[in-house]
N, C-alpha and C. Protein backbone atom coordinates (compact mmCIF):
# COMPACT_ATOMS: atom_id res chain seq x y z
N UNK A 1 0.85 -1.18 0.00
CA UNK A 1 0.00 0.00 0.00
C UNK A 1 0.90 1.24 0.00
N UNK A 2 0.63 2.19 -0.88
CA UNK A 2 1.48 3.39 -0.95
C UNK A 2 1.30 4.31 0.26
N UNK A 3 2.36 5.04 0.56
CA UNK A 3 2.34 6.05 1.61
C UNK A 3 1.52 7.23 1.11
N UNK A 4 0.52 7.64 1.89
CA UNK A 4 -0.36 8.75 1.51
C UNK A 4 0.28 10.07 1.94
N UNK A 5 0.63 10.90 0.95
CA UNK A 5 1.25 12.20 1.20
C UNK A 5 0.31 13.29 0.72
N UNK A 6 0.01 14.23 1.60
CA UNK A 6 -0.79 15.39 1.21
C UNK A 6 0.01 16.64 1.53
N UNK A 7 0.07 17.53 0.57
CA UNK A 7 0.71 18.83 0.77
C UNK A 7 -0.36 19.90 0.63
N UNK A 8 -0.55 20.65 1.69
CA UNK A 8 -1.54 21.72 1.72
C UNK A 8 -0.80 23.03 1.50
N UNK A 9 -1.26 23.80 0.55
CA UNK A 9 -0.62 25.07 0.26
C UNK A 9 -1.48 25.92 -0.63
N UNK A 10 -0.85 26.88 -1.26
CA UNK A 10 -1.52 27.76 -2.21
C UNK A 10 -1.03 27.36 -3.58
N UNK A 11 -1.90 26.76 -4.36
CA UNK A 11 -1.54 26.25 -5.67
C UNK A 11 -2.37 26.95 -6.73
N UNK A 12 -1.93 28.12 -7.16
CA UNK A 12 -2.71 28.88 -8.15
C UNK A 12 -2.83 28.11 -9.45
N UNK A 13 -3.97 28.27 -10.08
CA UNK A 13 -4.21 27.61 -11.35
C UNK A 13 -3.46 28.29 -12.48
N UNK A 14 -3.59 27.72 -13.64
CA UNK A 14 -2.88 28.23 -14.82
C UNK A 14 -3.28 29.67 -15.14
N UNK A 15 -4.51 30.05 -14.83
CA UNK A 15 -4.99 31.40 -15.14
C UNK A 15 -4.53 32.44 -14.13
N UNK A 16 -3.89 31.99 -13.06
CA UNK A 16 -3.46 32.92 -12.02
C UNK A 16 -2.44 33.93 -12.55
N UNK A 17 -1.68 33.59 -13.56
CA UNK A 17 -0.64 34.48 -14.06
C UNK A 17 -1.20 35.76 -14.66
N UNK A 18 -2.51 35.79 -14.89
CA UNK A 18 -3.10 36.99 -15.49
C UNK A 18 -3.27 38.12 -14.47
N UNK A 19 -3.14 37.82 -13.20
CA UNK A 19 -3.32 38.82 -12.16
C UNK A 19 -2.12 39.76 -12.11
N UNK A 20 -2.37 41.05 -11.91
CA UNK A 20 -1.29 42.03 -11.85
C UNK A 20 -0.42 41.86 -10.60
N UNK A 21 -0.92 41.14 -9.60
CA UNK A 21 -0.17 40.94 -8.36
C UNK A 21 0.58 39.61 -8.31
N UNK A 22 0.60 38.89 -9.42
CA UNK A 22 1.16 37.53 -9.46
C UNK A 22 2.58 37.46 -8.91
N UNK A 23 3.42 38.43 -9.26
CA UNK A 23 4.82 38.41 -8.81
C UNK A 23 4.93 38.64 -7.30
N UNK A 24 4.08 39.49 -6.74
CA UNK A 24 4.22 39.89 -5.34
C UNK A 24 3.41 39.09 -4.35
N UNK A 25 2.39 38.40 -4.79
CA UNK A 25 1.51 37.71 -3.85
C UNK A 25 2.02 36.34 -3.44
N UNK A 26 3.05 35.88 -4.09
CA UNK A 26 3.54 34.53 -3.82
C UNK A 26 3.04 33.54 -4.84
N UNK A 27 2.17 33.98 -5.72
CA UNK A 27 1.63 33.09 -6.74
C UNK A 27 2.70 32.45 -7.59
N UNK A 28 3.68 33.24 -7.98
CA UNK A 28 4.74 32.71 -8.84
C UNK A 28 5.51 31.61 -8.12
N UNK A 29 5.90 31.86 -6.89
CA UNK A 29 6.65 30.86 -6.13
C UNK A 29 5.83 29.60 -5.89
N UNK A 30 4.57 29.78 -5.54
CA UNK A 30 3.74 28.62 -5.24
C UNK A 30 3.34 27.85 -6.49
N UNK A 31 3.25 28.53 -7.62
CA UNK A 31 3.00 27.82 -8.88
C UNK A 31 4.17 26.90 -9.17
N UNK A 32 5.38 27.39 -8.92
CA UNK A 32 6.57 26.56 -9.09
C UNK A 32 6.51 25.35 -8.15
N UNK A 33 6.14 25.57 -6.89
CA UNK A 33 6.01 24.47 -5.93
C UNK A 33 5.06 23.42 -6.47
N UNK A 34 3.93 23.87 -6.97
CA UNK A 34 2.90 22.97 -7.47
C UNK A 34 3.44 22.11 -8.60
N UNK A 35 4.20 22.73 -9.47
CA UNK A 35 4.69 22.01 -10.64
C UNK A 35 5.85 21.09 -10.29
N UNK A 36 6.56 21.35 -9.21
CA UNK A 36 7.78 20.60 -8.96
C UNK A 36 7.69 19.54 -7.87
N UNK A 37 7.13 19.85 -6.72
CA UNK A 37 7.25 18.92 -5.59
C UNK A 37 6.52 17.61 -5.85
N UNK A 38 5.34 17.67 -6.41
CA UNK A 38 4.62 16.42 -6.68
C UNK A 38 5.41 15.57 -7.67
N UNK A 39 5.91 16.18 -8.73
CA UNK A 39 6.70 15.45 -9.73
C UNK A 39 7.97 14.86 -9.10
N UNK A 40 8.62 15.64 -8.24
CA UNK A 40 9.84 15.15 -7.59
C UNK A 40 9.56 13.94 -6.70
N UNK A 41 8.46 14.01 -5.96
CA UNK A 41 8.10 12.89 -5.09
C UNK A 41 7.80 11.63 -5.89
N UNK A 42 7.05 11.79 -6.96
CA UNK A 42 6.70 10.64 -7.79
C UNK A 42 7.94 10.09 -8.49
N UNK A 43 8.80 10.98 -8.97
CA UNK A 43 10.03 10.54 -9.63
C UNK A 43 10.92 9.76 -8.66
N UNK A 44 11.01 10.25 -7.44
CA UNK A 44 11.91 9.64 -6.45
C UNK A 44 11.35 8.34 -5.88
N UNK A 45 10.03 8.29 -5.64
CA UNK A 45 9.45 7.16 -4.92
C UNK A 45 8.52 6.28 -5.75
N UNK A 46 8.13 6.74 -6.91
CA UNK A 46 7.28 5.93 -7.79
C UNK A 46 5.97 5.53 -7.14
N UNK A 47 5.62 4.26 -7.30
CA UNK A 47 4.33 3.79 -6.80
C UNK A 47 4.33 3.50 -5.29
N UNK A 48 5.43 3.82 -4.61
CA UNK A 48 5.46 3.67 -3.15
C UNK A 48 4.74 4.82 -2.44
N UNK A 49 4.39 5.87 -3.20
CA UNK A 49 3.70 7.03 -2.62
C UNK A 49 2.47 7.39 -3.46
N UNK A 50 1.53 8.02 -2.77
CA UNK A 50 0.36 8.62 -3.43
C UNK A 50 0.36 10.08 -2.97
N UNK A 51 0.53 11.01 -3.92
CA UNK A 51 0.72 12.42 -3.59
C UNK A 51 -0.50 13.24 -4.00
N UNK A 52 -1.00 14.02 -3.07
CA UNK A 52 -2.11 14.93 -3.35
C UNK A 52 -1.71 16.34 -2.94
N UNK A 53 -2.10 17.31 -3.74
CA UNK A 53 -1.91 18.72 -3.41
C UNK A 53 -3.28 19.31 -3.13
N UNK A 54 -3.41 19.97 -1.99
CA UNK A 54 -4.68 20.55 -1.59
C UNK A 54 -4.49 22.05 -1.40
N UNK A 55 -5.24 22.83 -2.15
CA UNK A 55 -5.18 24.29 -2.06
C UNK A 55 -5.97 24.74 -0.83
N UNK A 56 -5.30 25.43 0.09
CA UNK A 56 -5.96 25.86 1.33
C UNK A 56 -6.99 26.95 1.11
N UNK A 57 -7.04 27.52 -0.09
CA UNK A 57 -8.02 28.56 -0.39
C UNK A 57 -9.21 28.01 -1.17
N UNK A 58 -9.41 26.69 -1.11
CA UNK A 58 -10.58 26.07 -1.74
C UNK A 58 -11.37 25.32 -0.67
N UNK A 59 -12.59 24.94 -1.02
CA UNK A 59 -13.42 24.19 -0.08
C UNK A 59 -12.87 22.79 0.21
N UNK A 60 -11.99 22.30 -0.65
CA UNK A 60 -11.43 20.96 -0.44
C UNK A 60 -10.74 20.83 0.91
N UNK A 61 -10.14 21.91 1.40
CA UNK A 61 -9.42 21.86 2.68
C UNK A 61 -10.37 21.53 3.83
N UNK A 62 -11.65 21.84 3.69
CA UNK A 62 -12.63 21.56 4.75
C UNK A 62 -12.80 20.06 5.00
N UNK A 63 -12.36 19.24 4.07
CA UNK A 63 -12.42 17.78 4.24
C UNK A 63 -11.37 17.30 5.24
N UNK A 64 -10.50 18.20 5.67
CA UNK A 64 -9.39 17.85 6.56
C UNK A 64 -9.44 18.73 7.81
N UNK A 65 -10.37 18.45 8.74
CA UNK A 65 -10.52 19.28 9.94
C UNK A 65 -9.22 19.51 10.73
N UNK A 66 -8.32 18.53 10.85
CA UNK A 66 -7.08 18.82 11.58
C UNK A 66 -6.25 19.94 10.93
N UNK A 67 -6.29 20.03 9.61
CA UNK A 67 -5.54 21.08 8.91
C UNK A 67 -6.21 22.43 9.13
N UNK A 68 -7.53 22.46 9.05
CA UNK A 68 -8.26 23.71 9.29
C UNK A 68 -7.97 24.21 10.71
N UNK A 69 -8.02 23.31 11.68
CA UNK A 69 -7.74 23.68 13.07
C UNK A 69 -6.29 24.13 13.24
N UNK A 70 -5.38 23.48 12.57
CA UNK A 70 -3.96 23.84 12.63
C UNK A 70 -3.76 25.26 12.11
N UNK A 71 -4.39 25.58 10.99
CA UNK A 71 -4.28 26.93 10.42
C UNK A 71 -4.87 27.96 11.37
N UNK A 72 -6.01 27.64 11.97
CA UNK A 72 -6.63 28.57 12.93
C UNK A 72 -5.71 28.82 14.13
N UNK A 73 -5.05 27.78 14.58
CA UNK A 73 -4.21 27.87 15.77
C UNK A 73 -2.86 28.53 15.49
N UNK A 74 -2.21 28.12 14.40
CA UNK A 74 -0.82 28.55 14.15
C UNK A 74 -0.65 29.52 13.00
N UNK A 75 -1.73 29.82 12.31
CA UNK A 75 -1.63 30.71 11.16
C UNK A 75 -1.31 29.93 9.89
N UNK A 76 -1.24 30.66 8.82
CA UNK A 76 -1.07 30.06 7.50
C UNK A 76 0.41 29.87 7.19
N UNK A 77 0.99 28.81 7.75
CA UNK A 77 2.40 28.46 7.50
C UNK A 77 2.39 27.31 6.50
N UNK A 78 2.55 27.63 5.24
CA UNK A 78 2.47 26.61 4.20
C UNK A 78 3.82 26.41 3.53
N UNK A 79 4.04 25.24 2.98
CA UNK A 79 3.10 24.13 2.88
C UNK A 79 2.96 23.38 4.20
N UNK A 80 1.86 22.69 4.34
CA UNK A 80 1.63 21.79 5.47
C UNK A 80 1.75 20.38 4.91
N UNK A 81 2.62 19.59 5.50
CA UNK A 81 2.85 18.22 5.07
C UNK A 81 2.08 17.26 5.96
N UNK A 82 1.27 16.42 5.34
CA UNK A 82 0.51 15.42 6.08
C UNK A 82 0.86 14.04 5.51
N UNK A 83 1.23 13.13 6.39
CA UNK A 83 1.48 11.74 6.00
C UNK A 83 0.48 10.86 6.73
N UNK A 84 -0.23 10.04 5.96
CA UNK A 84 -1.20 9.11 6.56
C UNK A 84 -2.11 9.84 7.55
N UNK A 85 -2.64 10.99 7.14
CA UNK A 85 -3.59 11.78 7.91
C UNK A 85 -3.02 12.39 9.20
N UNK A 86 -1.70 12.50 9.30
CA UNK A 86 -1.07 13.14 10.45
C UNK A 86 -0.20 14.30 9.96
N UNK A 87 -0.41 15.49 10.54
CA UNK A 87 0.40 16.65 10.18
C UNK A 87 1.81 16.42 10.72
N UNK A 88 2.79 16.52 9.82
CA UNK A 88 4.17 16.22 10.16
C UNK A 88 5.03 17.48 10.22
N UNK A 89 4.81 18.40 9.29
CA UNK A 89 5.70 19.55 9.16
C UNK A 89 4.95 20.68 8.47
N UNK A 90 5.49 21.91 8.60
CA UNK A 90 4.85 23.03 7.92
C UNK A 90 5.84 24.15 7.67
N UNK A 91 5.44 25.06 6.81
CA UNK A 91 6.24 26.24 6.51
C UNK A 91 7.61 25.90 5.98
N UNK A 92 8.61 26.67 6.40
CA UNK A 92 9.98 26.48 5.95
C UNK A 92 10.55 25.13 6.34
N UNK A 93 9.96 24.49 7.36
CA UNK A 93 10.40 23.16 7.77
C UNK A 93 10.02 22.11 6.73
N UNK A 94 9.15 22.45 5.81
CA UNK A 94 8.67 21.50 4.80
C UNK A 94 9.35 21.76 3.45
N UNK A 95 10.64 22.02 3.48
CA UNK A 95 11.40 22.19 2.24
C UNK A 95 11.47 20.85 1.51
N UNK A 96 11.87 20.87 0.25
CA UNK A 96 11.98 19.63 -0.52
C UNK A 96 12.84 18.60 0.22
N UNK A 97 14.03 19.00 0.67
CA UNK A 97 14.93 18.06 1.33
C UNK A 97 14.34 17.53 2.63
N UNK A 98 13.67 18.38 3.38
CA UNK A 98 13.04 17.93 4.63
C UNK A 98 11.93 16.93 4.33
N UNK A 99 11.14 17.21 3.29
CA UNK A 99 10.07 16.29 2.90
C UNK A 99 10.66 14.95 2.50
N UNK A 100 11.73 14.96 1.70
CA UNK A 100 12.36 13.71 1.28
C UNK A 100 12.86 12.92 2.49
N UNK A 101 13.47 13.61 3.45
CA UNK A 101 13.98 12.94 4.64
C UNK A 101 12.84 12.29 5.43
N UNK A 102 11.75 13.00 5.58
CA UNK A 102 10.59 12.48 6.31
C UNK A 102 9.99 11.29 5.58
N UNK A 103 9.84 11.40 4.27
CA UNK A 103 9.26 10.31 3.48
C UNK A 103 10.19 9.10 3.49
N UNK A 104 11.50 9.32 3.36
CA UNK A 104 12.46 8.21 3.44
C UNK A 104 12.27 7.44 4.75
N UNK A 105 12.18 8.18 5.84
CA UNK A 105 12.02 7.55 7.16
C UNK A 105 10.70 6.78 7.23
N UNK A 106 9.61 7.40 6.80
CA UNK A 106 8.29 6.75 6.85
C UNK A 106 8.27 5.47 6.01
N UNK A 107 8.86 5.52 4.83
CA UNK A 107 8.90 4.33 3.97
C UNK A 107 9.77 3.23 4.59
N UNK A 108 10.87 3.61 5.23
CA UNK A 108 11.72 2.62 5.90
C UNK A 108 10.97 1.95 7.05
N UNK A 109 10.20 2.74 7.80
CA UNK A 109 9.40 2.19 8.89
C UNK A 109 8.32 1.25 8.35
N UNK A 110 7.69 1.63 7.25
CA UNK A 110 6.68 0.76 6.64
C UNK A 110 7.31 -0.56 6.19
N UNK A 111 8.50 -0.49 5.63
CA UNK A 111 9.20 -1.70 5.18
C UNK A 111 9.53 -2.61 6.36
N UNK A 112 9.96 -2.01 7.48
CA UNK A 112 10.25 -2.80 8.69
C UNK A 112 9.00 -3.51 9.19
N UNK A 113 7.89 -2.76 9.24
CA UNK A 113 6.62 -3.33 9.71
C UNK A 113 6.17 -4.46 8.80
N UNK A 114 6.34 -4.29 7.50
CA UNK A 114 5.96 -5.33 6.54
C UNK A 114 6.83 -6.57 6.71
N UNK A 115 8.13 -6.36 6.98
CA UNK A 115 9.04 -7.49 7.18
C UNK A 115 8.67 -8.27 8.44
N UNK A 116 8.34 -7.56 9.50
CA UNK A 116 7.95 -8.21 10.75
C UNK A 116 6.64 -8.98 10.55
N UNK A 117 5.70 -8.38 9.86
CA UNK A 117 4.41 -9.03 9.60
C UNK A 117 4.57 -10.25 8.71
N UNK A 118 5.59 -10.24 7.86
CA UNK A 118 5.83 -11.35 6.94
C UNK A 118 6.45 -12.56 7.61
N UNK A 119 6.97 -12.41 8.82
CA UNK A 119 7.63 -13.55 9.50
C UNK A 119 6.65 -14.31 10.33
C-alpha cells in the first residue's frame, strides 16, 4: 500500500498568471512548488507514494478538519505536510529536502513493519 502524502498550500491555477499581483503575492513561487514537488516525489518514490496537493483557499481543505484547526491555531504556514492523515511539518520546515527525509524515514518504517508481519 502506498504512503499517503498530502501537501496543503496555495496552488494557483494556470490562469493565475493573469493577475497584476502575481509576482508579489507569492503566486509565482507557489505555482513553481505545485509544478515541482509532486513530480519530484513521484520521480523519487514511484508507486510507493500517493501524492495529493490541496489548495488551502478552496473548499477541499474543509475535508481535513485537523488542517483547518492547525491553520486557525498557528496561522497560514504553508506548505503543510501530512502523512497518513497526520500533520508532520509546515512552513519552511517543509522544504523539498526535509520532505524527502521524512518520506524516506516513513517508507523505511513501513518496510520494517511489513518485514515483521511477513515472519
